[in-house]
Amino acid sequence: MPIFFRKQVLLAKIEATYGVDPTLTGALNAILAKNISISPMDGSDSSRDLVTPYFGNQPSIPAELHVSLSFETELAGSGTAGTAPAWGPLMRGCGCAEVIVASTSVTYNPITDNPESVYFKFWMGGTLHAIKGARGSAKITVNAQGIPTIAWNFMGLWVAPSEVAAAVPTLTAFKKPLMVSQANTPTFNVNSVAMVMRNFTFDMNNQVEPRMLVGSEAVVIVDHREQLDFTVEAVPVSTLNPYSLANAQTTVPVSLVHGTVAGNICTLSCPTSEFKRPTGYQANQGVAEWPLSMLALPNNGNDQFSLALT
């Protein structure tokens, strides 16, 4: 029998000890994902470069083995204010702290020291790809008349694949997303100016690297370079002037709110963002629009953004 591509199961759980299986179950750790892609044996090949009296290929030895895993989840809250969303462990594995205020909010913000790590189990058919010590980066996309998503890119240490019966996933913790619209996305402000937005992305741009040394093998996050990219209707510069703000390197707040009902309100705040040089205009339906980019800058440190679920 062939392995059917649609038969995929993904589990994820925060590791208590780096690189050690924290015991994942389909009932508690399943991820409702789409567009899963795995590179199951990344690394390099070290040629042995042997001297021979004839032509031919040289044998090689695999080195720096690690796994790359990418997928998307839908952006939606848990349905209950103060309860972490089912994709919360993924945010924690992307160098974020999770702060819970009971019955009120769950907030994610970047951290520099001691980021957590994730253990993944991914089945393609009956083939299990375990990925230990994983850390990654995330990109939030909120486009008008689209489903809001988070694209995840993780890197972890290699574990030899094996044939193991796939877990049975329970996915009820993942709630249906709201379409991005005027009704469901009530706020998109730049420098406290309400903007008409076509598309928006927030990219953590985490620099994730495998660090393979004698005595320690790990995947580490060595930097965060958060960036916002969005397209909005152009307005008079007397209303919002991205040119002068970029030239003066003035930082301004950016705020996006998606959702209107408690338990499913997502608020992304970047309080000190700096415009990059605007690149011009584009026309959509005869209307002038700005494609704009901004850098989310830290103020006192680890405060360049927050994602609050209320």
Protein backbone atom coordinates (compact mmCIF):
# COMPACT_ATOMS: atom_id res chain seq x y z
CA MET A 1 0.00 0.00 0.00
CA PRO A 2 1.23 3.53 -0.74
CA ILE A 3 1.59 6.23 1.90
CA PHE A 4 -1.23 8.70 1.33
CA PHE A 5 -0.03 12.29 1.59
CA ARG A 6 -3.20 13.49 3.33
CA LYS A 7 -2.60 11.15 6.29
CA GLN A 8 -0.65 13.58 8.43
CA VAL A 9 -0.67 14.12 12.20
CA LEU A 10 1.28 16.83 14.04
CA LEU A 11 1.86 17.07 17.79
CA ALA A 12 3.83 19.72 19.70
CA LYS A 13 4.71 20.21 23.36
CA ILE A 14 7.09 22.40 25.36
CA GLU A 15 10.13 20.47 26.61
CA ALA A 16 10.80 20.39 30.34
CA THR A 17 14.40 19.41 29.60
CA TYR A 18 16.03 20.44 26.35
CA GLY A 19 15.93 17.67 23.76
CA VAL A 20 14.05 15.20 25.97
CA ASP A 21 10.69 13.77 24.89
CA PRO A 22 8.09 15.32 27.25
CA THR A 23 5.55 12.57 26.36
CA LEU A 24 3.17 13.89 23.76
CA THR A 25 -0.37 12.64 23.27
CA GLY A 26 -2.91 13.13 20.54
CA ALA A 27 -5.51 14.13 23.13
CA LEU A 28 -3.50 17.03 24.60
CA ASN A 29 -0.87 18.11 22.07
CA ALA A 30 -2.33 17.89 18.57
CA ILE A 31 -1.90 20.85 16.22
CA LEU A 32 -4.54 21.80 13.64
CA ALA A 33 -2.22 22.79 10.81
CA LYS A 34 -2.15 23.21 7.07
CA ASN A 35 0.53 23.36 4.39
CA ILE A 36 2.95 21.21 6.40
CA SER A 37 6.41 20.88 4.88
CA ILE A 38 9.30 18.95 6.38
CA SER A 39 12.97 18.65 5.45
CA PRO A 40 13.68 15.51 7.47
CA MET A 41 17.46 15.37 7.19
CA ASP A 42 19.02 18.80 6.70
CA GLY A 43 22.72 19.27 7.28
CA SER A 44 25.88 18.81 5.25
CA ASP A 45 27.89 16.00 3.69
CA SER A 46 31.56 15.74 4.57
CA SER A 47 33.56 14.11 1.82
CA ARG A 48 36.21 11.68 3.02
CA ASP A 49 38.54 12.77 0.17
CA LEU A 50 40.38 9.45 0.00
CA VAL A 51 43.36 8.96 -2.29
CA THR A 52 42.65 6.32 -4.95
CA PRO A 53 44.43 5.23 -8.18
CA TYR A 54 41.17 5.64 -10.16
CA PHE A 55 38.43 8.18 -10.85
CA GLY A 56 35.07 8.09 -9.11
CA ASN A 57 32.88 9.49 -6.39
CA GLN A 58 34.16 9.89 -2.86
CA PRO A 59 32.16 8.51 0.06
CA SER A 60 30.74 11.09 2.44
CA ILE A 61 29.48 11.26 6.01
CA PRO A 62 26.32 13.18 7.00
CA ALA A 63 27.03 15.98 9.48
CA GLU A 64 25.17 18.74 11.37
CA LEU A 65 21.92 16.80 11.14
CA HIS A 66 18.77 18.74 11.92
CA VAL A 67 15.16 18.95 10.77
CA SER A 68 13.25 21.90 9.33
CA LEU A 69 9.48 21.99 9.76
CA SER A 70 7.07 24.63 8.44
CA PHE A 71 3.30 24.87 8.58
CA GLU A 72 0.43 27.29 9.17
CA THR A 73 -2.27 27.58 11.81
CA GLU A 74 -5.31 29.81 11.82
CA LEU A 75 -5.22 32.88 14.06
CA ALA A 76 -8.02 32.56 16.62
CA GLY A 77 -8.28 32.73 20.39
CA SER A 78 -9.16 29.86 22.71
CA GLY A 79 -12.74 31.04 23.05
CA THR A 80 -12.25 31.81 26.74
CA ALA A 81 -10.52 34.96 28.01
CA GLY A 82 -7.52 34.04 30.14
CA THR A 83 -7.10 30.59 28.54
CA ALA A 84 -4.10 30.11 26.27
CA PRO A 85 -4.80 29.17 22.66
CA ALA A 86 -3.89 25.70 21.45
CA TRP A 87 -1.06 27.23 19.40
CA GLY A 88 0.43 28.84 22.51
CA PRO A 89 3.33 26.35 22.79
CA LEU A 90 4.42 27.36 19.30
CA MET A 91 4.69 31.02 20.31
CA ARG A 92 6.72 30.00 23.33
CA GLY A 93 9.03 28.04 21.04
CA CYS A 94 9.56 31.21 18.99
CA GLY A 95 11.21 33.11 21.83
CA CYS A 96 8.10 34.51 23.50
CA ALA A 97 6.94 34.60 27.10
CA GLU A 98 3.35 33.62 27.83
CA VAL A 99 1.72 35.78 30.51
CA ILE A 100 -1.73 34.65 31.68
CA VAL A 101 -4.13 36.78 33.69
CA ALA A 102 -6.91 34.47 34.84
CA SER A 103 -10.27 35.08 33.13
CA THR A 104 -8.84 38.18 31.43
CA SER A 105 -5.98 37.78 28.97
CA VAL A 106 -3.07 35.81 27.55
CA THR A 107 -0.19 37.92 26.25
CA TYR A 108 2.89 36.96 24.26
CA ASN A 109 5.96 39.19 24.16
CA PRO A 110 9.54 38.58 23.05
CA ILE A 111 12.28 37.47 25.42
CA THR A 112 16.04 37.39 24.94
CA ASP A 113 17.30 34.93 27.54
CA ASN A 114 16.43 31.26 28.04
CA PRO A 115 13.77 30.74 25.36
CA GLU A 116 11.80 27.53 25.62
CA SER A 117 12.00 24.67 23.14
CA VAL A 118 9.42 22.43 21.52
CA TYR A 119 9.31 18.69 20.87
CA PHE A 120 7.41 17.79 17.69
CA LYS A 121 6.07 14.50 16.46
CA PHE A 122 4.96 14.41 12.84
CA TRP A 123 3.49 11.40 11.12
CA MET A 124 3.36 10.91 7.38
CA GLY A 125 1.19 7.82 7.21
CA GLY A 126 2.78 5.51 9.77
CA THR A 127 6.25 7.06 9.56
CA LEU A 128 7.12 9.09 12.63
CA HIS A 129 9.48 12.05 12.35
CA ALA A 130 10.35 13.19 15.88
CA ILE A 131 12.01 16.61 16.17
CA LYS A 132 13.62 17.52 19.45
CA GLY A 133 14.92 20.81 20.85
CA ALA A 134 13.06 22.85 18.23
CA ARG A 135 12.94 26.62 18.12
CA GLY A 136 11.59 28.84 15.39
CA SER A 137 10.01 31.98 14.03
CA ALA A 138 6.48 33.07 13.16
CA LYS A 139 4.78 35.33 10.65
CA ILE A 140 1.24 36.64 11.19
CA THR A 141 -0.80 37.44 8.08
CA VAL A 142 -4.05 39.42 8.23
CA ASN A 143 -5.39 40.17 4.74
CA ALA A 144 -8.76 41.74 3.96
CA GLN A 145 -11.39 39.10 3.11
CA GLY A 146 -8.97 36.33 4.03
CA ILE A 147 -8.47 33.90 6.89
CA PRO A 148 -5.87 35.24 9.36
CA THR A 149 -2.98 32.83 9.75
CA ILE A 150 0.32 32.30 11.51
CA ALA A 151 3.09 30.74 9.42
CA TRP A 152 5.60 28.83 11.55
CA ASN A 153 9.15 27.82 10.68
CA PHE A 154 10.93 25.56 13.16
CA MET A 155 14.31 23.91 13.28
CA GLY A 156 15.12 21.02 15.61
CA LEU A 157 17.62 18.26 16.23
CA TRP A 158 17.37 15.11 14.15
CA VAL A 159 15.87 11.86 15.38
CA ALA A 160 15.92 8.77 13.15
CA PRO A 161 12.45 8.21 11.63
CA SER A 162 10.62 5.05 12.61
CA GLU A 163 7.40 3.20 11.94
CA VAL A 164 5.03 3.91 14.84
CA ALA A 165 1.25 3.93 14.88
CA ALA A 166 0.08 7.50 14.46
CA ALA A 167 -1.49 9.31 17.40
CA VAL A 168 -5.21 10.01 17.22
CA PRO A 169 -5.50 13.82 17.35
CA THR A 170 -8.07 15.76 19.34
CA LEU A 171 -8.38 19.19 17.75
CA THR A 172 -11.34 20.72 19.56
CA ALA A 173 -9.11 23.29 21.32
CA PHE A 174 -8.62 25.03 17.96
CA LYS A 175 -11.44 27.44 17.30
CA LYS A 176 -12.81 28.61 13.96
CA PRO A 177 -11.19 31.83 12.75
CA LEU A 178 -13.04 34.99 11.79
CA MET A 179 -12.72 36.34 8.26
CA VAL A 180 -10.75 39.59 8.13
CA SER A 181 -13.28 42.31 7.46
CA GLN A 182 -14.50 45.72 8.58
CA ALA A 183 -16.84 44.06 11.09
CA ASN A 184 -14.38 41.51 12.45
CA THR A 185 -11.21 43.65 12.34
CA PRO A 186 -12.25 46.91 13.97
CA THR A 187 -8.84 48.53 14.40
CA PHE A 188 -5.77 49.14 12.30
CA ASN A 189 -4.01 52.27 13.50
CA VAL A 190 -0.65 53.76 12.56
CA ASN A 191 0.50 56.65 14.74
CA SER A 192 -3.04 56.71 16.15
CA VAL A 193 -4.47 57.28 12.65
CA ALA A 194 -7.13 54.79 11.52
CA MET A 195 -6.03 53.36 8.17
CA VAL A 196 -7.91 51.49 5.45
CA MET A 197 -5.87 48.29 5.15
CA ARG A 198 -5.66 45.77 2.30
CA ASN A 199 -3.06 43.39 3.68
CA PHE A 200 -0.78 43.09 6.68
CA THR A 201 2.04 40.87 7.86
CA PHE A 202 4.06 40.86 11.05
CA ASP A 203 7.23 38.80 10.79
CA MET A 204 9.23 37.97 13.91
CA ASN A 205 12.27 37.34 11.70
CA ASN A 206 13.95 35.25 14.36
CA GLN A 207 17.46 34.20 13.44
CA VAL A 208 17.46 30.47 14.20
CA GLU A 209 20.66 28.46 13.87
CA PRO A 210 21.87 24.93 14.60
CA ARG A 211 24.87 25.00 16.93
CA MET A 212 26.63 21.63 16.74
CA LEU A 213 29.65 21.44 19.03
CA VAL A 214 31.41 18.80 21.10
CA GLY A 215 29.63 18.71 24.42
CA SER A 216 26.54 20.55 23.18
CA GLU A 217 24.19 20.27 20.21
CA ALA A 218 21.27 22.68 20.14
CA VAL A 219 19.13 24.94 18.00
CA VAL A 220 19.39 28.53 19.21
CA ILE A 221 17.65 31.84 18.54
CA VAL A 222 20.44 34.38 18.19
CA ASP A 223 18.43 37.49 17.27
CA HIS A 224 14.97 38.99 16.65
CA ARG A 225 14.40 41.44 13.76
CA GLU A 226 10.63 42.07 13.77
CA GLN A 227 9.16 43.77 10.70
CA LEU A 228 5.70 44.94 9.64
CA ASP A 229 4.62 45.09 6.00
CA PHE A 230 1.22 46.36 4.97
CA THR A 231 -0.71 48.02 2.16
CA VAL A 232 -3.11 50.85 3.02
CA GLU A 233 -5.04 53.52 1.19
CA ALA A 234 -2.80 56.57 0.76
CA VAL A 235 -3.90 59.63 2.70
CA PRO A 236 -2.81 63.28 2.65
CA VAL A 237 0.54 63.79 4.34
CA SER A 238 -1.22 66.20 6.67
CA THR A 239 -3.02 63.12 8.05
CA LEU A 240 -0.08 60.69 8.07
CA ASN A 241 3.34 61.49 6.64
CA PRO A 242 5.43 58.32 6.31
CA TYR A 243 8.08 60.27 4.38
CA SER A 244 8.92 62.74 7.12
CA LEU A 245 8.55 60.08 9.81
CA ALA A 246 11.02 57.85 7.97
CA ASN A 247 13.41 60.73 7.35
CA ALA A 248 13.34 61.80 11.00
CA GLN A 249 13.53 58.19 12.23
CA THR A 250 10.52 58.91 14.43
CA THR A 251 8.99 55.91 16.16
CA VAL A 252 5.20 55.60 16.24
CA PRO A 253 2.72 53.02 17.56
CA VAL A 254 0.99 50.45 15.36
CA SER A 255 -2.05 48.55 16.56
CA LEU A 256 -4.14 45.83 14.94
CA VAL A 257 -7.25 44.34 16.57
CA HIS A 258 -9.00 41.31 15.10
CA GLY A 259 -12.12 39.90 16.73
CA THR A 260 -14.89 41.46 18.76
CA VAL A 261 -16.09 38.79 21.21
CA ALA A 262 -14.32 38.02 24.51
CA GLY A 263 -12.13 34.95 24.19
CA ASN A 264 -11.43 35.62 20.54
CA ILE A 265 -10.01 39.16 20.41
CA CYS A 266 -6.41 39.32 19.16
CA THR A 267 -4.53 42.59 19.59
CA LEU A 268 -1.09 43.04 18.07
CA SER A 269 0.72 46.12 19.39
CA CYS A 270 4.06 47.49 18.21
CA PRO A 271 4.46 50.66 20.29
CA THR A 272 7.77 51.96 18.88
CA SER A 273 7.84 51.22 15.17
CA GLU A 274 9.98 53.03 12.63
CA PHE A 275 9.06 53.55 8.98
CA LYS A 276 11.42 52.30 6.32
CA ARG A 277 11.69 54.50 3.25
CA PRO A 278 8.37 54.35 1.33
CA THR A 279 8.79 52.85 -2.13
CA GLY A 280 5.95 54.61 -3.94
CA TYR A 281 2.30 54.08 -4.79
CA GLN A 282 0.30 51.29 -6.32
CA ALA A 283 -3.16 51.40 -7.90
CA ASN A 284 -5.97 49.08 -6.84
CA GLN A 285 -9.43 49.62 -8.33
CA GLY A 286 -8.31 53.12 -9.31
CA VAL A 287 -7.38 54.01 -5.71
CA ALA A 288 -3.85 55.04 -4.70
CA GLU A 289 -2.40 52.77 -2.05
CA TRP A 290 0.86 52.74 -0.11
CA PRO A 291 2.91 49.57 0.33
CA LEU A 292 4.72 50.35 3.59
CA SER A 293 7.26 48.62 5.78
CA MET A 294 8.19 49.32 9.39
CA LEU A 295 10.67 47.97 11.91
CA ALA A 296 9.33 47.11 15.36
CA LEU A 297 12.01 48.57 17.62
CA PRO A 298 12.59 47.78 21.31
CA ASN A 299 12.30 50.66 23.75
CA ASN A 300 13.50 49.32 27.08
CA GLY A 301 14.11 45.85 25.69
CA ASN A 302 11.82 42.90 24.91
CA ASP A 303 8.93 45.32 24.39
CA GLN A 304 8.96 45.76 20.61
CA PHE A 305 5.63 43.93 20.30
CA SER A 306 2.94 42.16 22.21
CA LEU A 307 0.18 39.84 21.06
CA ALA A 308 -2.70 39.93 23.55
CA LEU A 309 -5.68 37.57 23.48
CA THR A 310 -8.66 38.81 25.45
